[in-house]
């Protein structure tokens, strides 16, 4: 296929994906109330946990703030809702360039990566109220915490992405092992450093300073790293047996006819 044909195919797939996103964006504009309630739920849970005397409230900045905020929420919902479509379009565009065995492994990767990412997002949504509770609770007497919606929404999306992508890291380690880049024995050799690094990453990634939020992110990551190490060492053994079976001993004489 000529390069111009690839560009035309890419343009067509991008336009189809964009059309679905625009349709869902229009639909989401009619459901902004439940979407905003979903977005604000972690903050509202934190404020309820702190009690009625907590001096904090959400605000919009500027006269156009409400409109911009609602459009951002609708755009995010449309992009997430259209994820199966644009991921499929990306897959179909890359498919002709992959070998048969690569297609098999990418199917496995996609089937596992999606649920892991969604699980990380759900975990982040569960942890964030506790983080907001700690952060808002730092407010000193005589002050009031005004939570500007745009900043809050950007912070929420960023944290959910961090939680979602963090659970993908062990999966990428298995993928590197399949490519022959990262042996399983290396994971076992650096296991103590992986444990320490995971807790450090969780401490930096979580929005609060409490140990509960950090542990809730670190423990699933460590469990996935352990599963990844077991799987990688199993793949190494299978690969080693296959190579040994195909190897021809150099000191063995060939049988005479």
Protein backbone atom coordinates (compact mmCIF):
# COMPACT_ATOMS: atom_id res chain seq x y z
CA UNK A 1 0.00 0.00 0.00
CA UNK A 2 1.35 3.46 -0.94
CA UNK A 3 2.09 6.06 1.72
CA UNK A 4 -0.73 8.28 0.45
CA UNK A 5 -3.15 5.37 0.87
CA UNK A 6 -2.03 4.96 4.51
CA UNK A 7 -2.68 8.65 5.14
CA UNK A 8 -6.12 8.42 3.55
CA UNK A 9 -6.97 5.39 5.68
CA UNK A 10 -5.73 7.18 8.80
CA UNK A 11 -7.80 10.24 7.95
CA UNK A 12 -10.91 8.12 7.44
CA UNK A 13 -10.50 6.31 10.75
CA UNK A 14 -9.85 9.57 12.60
CA UNK A 15 -12.97 11.15 11.07
CA UNK A 16 -15.11 8.15 12.04
CA UNK A 17 -13.79 8.32 15.60
CA UNK A 18 -14.31 12.10 15.76
CA UNK A 19 -17.88 11.74 14.48
CA UNK A 20 -18.75 9.27 17.25
CA UNK A 21 -17.15 11.58 19.85
CA UNK A 22 -19.17 14.55 18.57
CA UNK A 23 -22.43 12.57 18.66
CA UNK A 24 -21.76 11.43 22.23
CA UNK A 25 -20.76 14.99 23.16
CA UNK A 26 -24.17 16.28 22.06
CA UNK A 27 -25.87 13.48 23.98
CA UNK A 28 -23.78 14.18 27.10
CA UNK A 29 -24.80 17.86 27.05
CA UNK A 30 -28.35 16.69 27.86
CA UNK A 31 -27.13 14.79 30.94
CA UNK A 32 -24.79 17.31 32.52
CA UNK A 33 -26.56 17.21 35.89
CA UNK A 34 -25.88 13.52 36.67
CA UNK A 35 -22.39 13.82 35.12
CA UNK A 36 -21.52 16.77 37.37
CA UNK A 37 -22.87 14.89 40.38
CA UNK A 38 -20.63 11.96 39.44
CA UNK A 39 -17.61 14.25 39.10
CA UNK A 40 -18.29 16.08 42.36
CA UNK A 41 -19.09 12.96 44.38
CA UNK A 42 -15.54 12.48 45.80
CA UNK A 43 -15.46 16.12 46.94
CA UNK A 44 -18.97 15.95 48.43
CA UNK A 45 -18.10 12.74 50.29
CA UNK A 46 -15.02 14.42 51.75
CA UNK A 47 -16.98 17.50 52.80
CA UNK A 48 -19.67 15.32 54.42
CA UNK A 49 -17.02 13.37 56.33
CA UNK A 50 -15.49 16.59 57.67
CA UNK A 51 -18.82 17.81 59.04
CA UNK A 52 -21.06 20.83 58.62
CA UNK A 53 -18.51 23.23 60.08
CA UNK A 54 -16.05 22.74 57.25
CA UNK A 55 -15.44 26.02 55.42
CA UNK A 56 -15.22 24.86 51.81
CA UNK A 57 -17.37 25.15 48.73
CA UNK A 58 -17.04 24.61 44.97
CA UNK A 59 -17.02 27.71 42.76
CA UNK A 60 -16.85 28.65 39.09
CA UNK A 61 -14.34 31.27 37.98
CA UNK A 62 -15.70 34.01 35.75
CA UNK A 63 -19.06 34.54 34.14
CA UNK A 64 -18.37 31.88 31.51
CA UNK A 65 -17.07 29.40 34.05
CA UNK A 66 -20.27 27.31 34.32
CA UNK A 67 -20.54 26.90 30.54
CA UNK A 68 -16.86 25.97 30.11
CA UNK A 69 -17.03 23.55 33.05
CA UNK A 70 -20.11 21.76 31.73
CA UNK A 71 -18.61 21.47 28.26
CA UNK A 72 -15.43 19.96 29.71
CA UNK A 73 -17.45 17.37 31.61
CA UNK A 74 -19.49 16.51 28.49
CA UNK A 75 -16.32 16.29 26.36
CA UNK A 76 -14.63 13.98 28.84
CA UNK A 77 -17.71 11.75 29.02
CA UNK A 78 -17.91 11.63 25.20
CA UNK A 79 -14.22 10.76 24.83
CA UNK A 80 -14.47 7.99 27.43
CA UNK A 81 -17.73 6.67 26.01
CA UNK A 82 -16.26 6.54 22.52
CA UNK A 83 -13.13 4.68 23.69
CA UNK A 84 -14.22 1.30 22.24
CA UNK A 85 -14.67 2.95 18.84
CA UNK A 86 -11.40 4.89 18.59
CA UNK A 87 -9.42 2.02 20.13
CA UNK A 88 -10.91 -0.31 17.50
CA UNK A 89 -10.01 2.16 14.75
CA UNK A 90 -6.41 2.34 16.00
CA UNK A 91 -6.28 -1.46 16.12
CA UNK A 92 -7.61 -1.81 12.56
CA UNK A 93 -5.09 0.75 11.29
CA UNK A 94 -2.13 -1.05 12.89
CA UNK A 95 -3.33 -4.58 12.14
CA UNK A 96 -1.90 -4.89 8.57
CA UNK A 97 1.60 -4.05 9.86
CA UNK A 98 1.60 -6.87 12.45
CA UNK A 99 2.70 -10.47 11.97
CA UNK A 100 0.34 -13.31 12.83
CA UNK A 101 1.94 -14.08 16.22
CA UNK A 102 2.09 -10.36 17.05
CA UNK A 103 -1.65 -10.05 16.38
CA UNK A 104 -2.31 -12.88 18.84
CA UNK A 105 -0.32 -11.24 21.64
CA UNK A 106 -1.75 -7.79 21.01
CA UNK A 107 -5.27 -9.24 21.32
CA UNK A 108 -4.30 -10.74 24.67
CA UNK A 109 -2.70 -7.46 25.72
CA UNK A 110 -5.76 -5.40 24.81
CA UNK A 111 -8.17 -7.81 26.53
CA UNK A 112 -6.18 -7.54 29.78
CA UNK A 113 -5.11 -3.89 29.58
CA UNK A 114 -8.67 -2.55 29.37
CA UNK A 115 -10.03 -4.15 32.56
CA UNK A 116 -6.81 -3.31 34.43
CA UNK A 117 -7.09 0.36 33.46
CA UNK A 118 -10.76 0.51 34.44
CA UNK A 119 -9.92 -1.22 37.72
CA UNK A 120 -7.27 1.41 38.44
CA UNK A 121 -9.72 4.22 37.64
CA UNK A 122 -12.33 2.67 39.96
CA UNK A 123 -9.70 2.34 42.70
CA UNK A 124 -8.74 5.98 42.28
CA UNK A 125 -12.37 7.06 42.44
CA UNK A 126 -12.69 5.10 45.70
CA UNK A 127 -9.50 6.55 47.23
CA UNK A 128 -9.94 10.21 46.22
CA UNK A 129 -12.60 11.12 48.85
CA UNK A 130 -10.17 10.17 51.61
CA UNK A 131 -7.45 12.22 49.93
CA UNK A 132 -9.71 15.26 49.57
CA UNK A 133 -10.75 14.88 53.19
CA UNK A 134 -7.13 15.11 54.31
CA UNK A 135 -6.29 18.02 52.00
CA UNK A 136 -9.36 20.10 52.88
CA UNK A 137 -8.93 19.28 56.57
CA UNK A 138 -5.59 21.11 56.58
CA UNK A 139 -7.46 24.43 56.23
CA UNK A 140 -6.68 26.62 59.26
CA UNK A 141 -9.32 28.34 61.37
CA UNK A 142 -10.44 31.62 59.87
CA UNK A 143 -9.81 30.50 56.29
CA UNK A 144 -12.16 29.08 53.69
CA UNK A 145 -11.18 26.65 50.92
CA UNK A 146 -12.73 27.61 47.59
CA UNK A 147 -12.49 24.70 45.16
CA UNK A 148 -12.49 26.12 41.62
CA UNK A 149 -14.27 23.64 39.33
CA UNK A 150 -11.79 23.71 36.43
CA UNK A 151 -8.84 23.03 38.74
CA UNK A 152 -10.78 20.34 40.57
CA UNK A 153 -11.85 18.61 37.35
CA UNK A 154 -8.30 18.67 35.94
CA UNK A 155 -6.95 17.28 39.20
CA UNK A 156 -9.61 14.54 39.30
CA UNK A 157 -8.96 13.41 35.71
CA UNK A 158 -5.19 13.48 36.25
CA UNK A 159 -5.40 11.33 39.38
CA UNK A 160 -7.76 8.82 37.78
CA UNK A 161 -5.36 8.49 34.83
CA UNK A 162 -2.43 7.94 37.21
CA UNK A 163 -4.30 5.22 39.07
CA UNK A 164 -5.43 3.60 35.83
CA UNK A 165 -1.99 3.63 34.21
CA UNK A 166 -0.21 2.51 37.39
CA UNK A 167 -1.89 -0.90 37.18
CA UNK A 168 -0.66 -1.24 33.59
CA UNK A 169 3.03 -1.16 34.59
CA UNK A 170 3.27 -4.88 35.51
CA UNK A 171 1.54 -5.74 32.25
CA UNK A 172 4.17 -3.80 30.32
CA UNK A 173 6.84 -5.79 32.18
CA UNK A 174 5.27 -9.04 30.90
CA UNK A 175 5.13 -7.56 27.40
CA UNK A 176 8.85 -6.73 27.56
CA UNK A 177 9.50 -10.30 28.66
CA UNK A 178 7.59 -11.63 25.66
CA UNK A 179 9.81 -9.47 23.46
CA UNK A 180 12.91 -10.98 25.10
CA UNK A 181 14.00 -7.68 26.68
CA UNK A 182 13.27 -8.31 30.39
CA UNK A 183 13.98 -11.81 31.81
CA UNK A 184 11.98 -12.98 34.80
CA UNK A 185 15.14 -13.52 36.89
CA UNK A 186 15.78 -9.76 36.71
CA UNK A 187 12.40 -9.13 38.34
CA UNK A 188 13.28 -11.61 41.09
CA UNK A 189 16.72 -10.05 41.55
CA UNK A 190 15.34 -6.55 41.99
CA UNK A 191 12.19 -7.53 43.90
CA UNK A 192 13.13 -5.59 47.10
CA UNK A 193 13.75 -2.45 45.04
CA UNK A 194 10.46 -2.96 43.19
CA UNK A 195 8.63 -3.11 46.53
CA UNK A 196 10.30 0.07 47.78
CA UNK A 197 9.80 1.83 44.45
CA UNK A 198 6.13 0.87 44.35
CA UNK A 199 5.47 2.40 47.76
CA UNK A 200 7.43 5.53 46.81
CA UNK A 201 5.44 5.82 43.57
CA UNK A 202 2.17 5.31 45.47
CA UNK A 203 3.16 7.96 48.03
CA UNK A 204 3.87 10.49 45.26
CA UNK A 205 0.85 9.56 43.14
CA UNK A 206 -1.83 9.68 45.83
CA UNK A 207 -3.21 13.15 46.57
CA UNK A 208 -3.12 12.90 50.36
CA UNK A 209 -0.42 12.25 52.93
CA UNK A 210 -2.22 9.43 54.76
CA UNK A 211 -0.90 5.88 54.63
CA UNK A 212 -4.30 4.39 53.75
CA UNK A 213 -4.47 5.92 50.25
CA UNK A 214 -0.86 5.01 49.55
CA UNK A 215 -1.39 1.40 50.66
CA UNK A 216 -4.59 1.02 48.64
CA UNK A 217 -2.61 1.82 45.49
CA UNK A 218 0.63 0.02 46.40
CA UNK A 219 -0.86 -3.36 47.36
CA UNK A 220 -2.67 -4.03 44.05
CA UNK A 221 0.46 -2.96 42.17
CA UNK A 222 2.63 -5.32 44.23
CA UNK A 223 0.18 -8.18 43.71
CA UNK A 224 0.26 -7.58 39.95
CA UNK A 225 4.07 -7.39 39.99
CA UNK A 226 4.18 -10.75 41.79
CA UNK A 227 1.82 -12.30 39.25
CA UNK A 228 3.90 -10.77 36.45
CA UNK A 229 7.11 -12.22 37.89
CA UNK A 230 5.62 -15.73 38.12
CA UNK A 231 4.30 -15.48 34.57
CA UNK A 232 7.60 -14.13 33.23
CA UNK A 233 9.64 -16.92 34.84
CA UNK A 234 7.20 -19.50 33.43
CA UNK A 235 7.55 -17.98 29.96
CA UNK A 236 11.34 -18.04 30.34
CA UNK A 237 11.27 -21.76 31.18
CA UNK A 238 9.05 -22.54 28.20
CA UNK A 239 11.28 -20.47 25.94
CA UNK A 240 14.39 -22.18 27.30
CA UNK A 241 12.97 -25.67 26.72
CA UNK A 242 11.98 -24.74 23.17
CA UNK A 243 15.45 -23.41 22.40
CA UNK A 244 17.09 -26.48 23.94
CA UNK A 245 14.94 -28.79 21.84
CA UNK A 246 15.91 -26.96 18.66
CA UNK A 247 19.63 -26.78 19.47
CA UNK A 248 21.97 -29.31 17.81
CA UNK A 249 24.85 -30.46 20.06
CA UNK A 250 28.19 -29.55 18.47
CA UNK A 251 30.05 -32.58 19.83
CA UNK A 252 27.59 -35.19 18.58
CA UNK A 253 28.51 -36.95 15.34
CA UNK A 254 25.94 -37.12 12.60
CA UNK A 255 24.76 -40.70 11.84
CA UNK A 256 26.26 -42.22 8.69
CA UNK A 257 23.80 -43.35 6.01
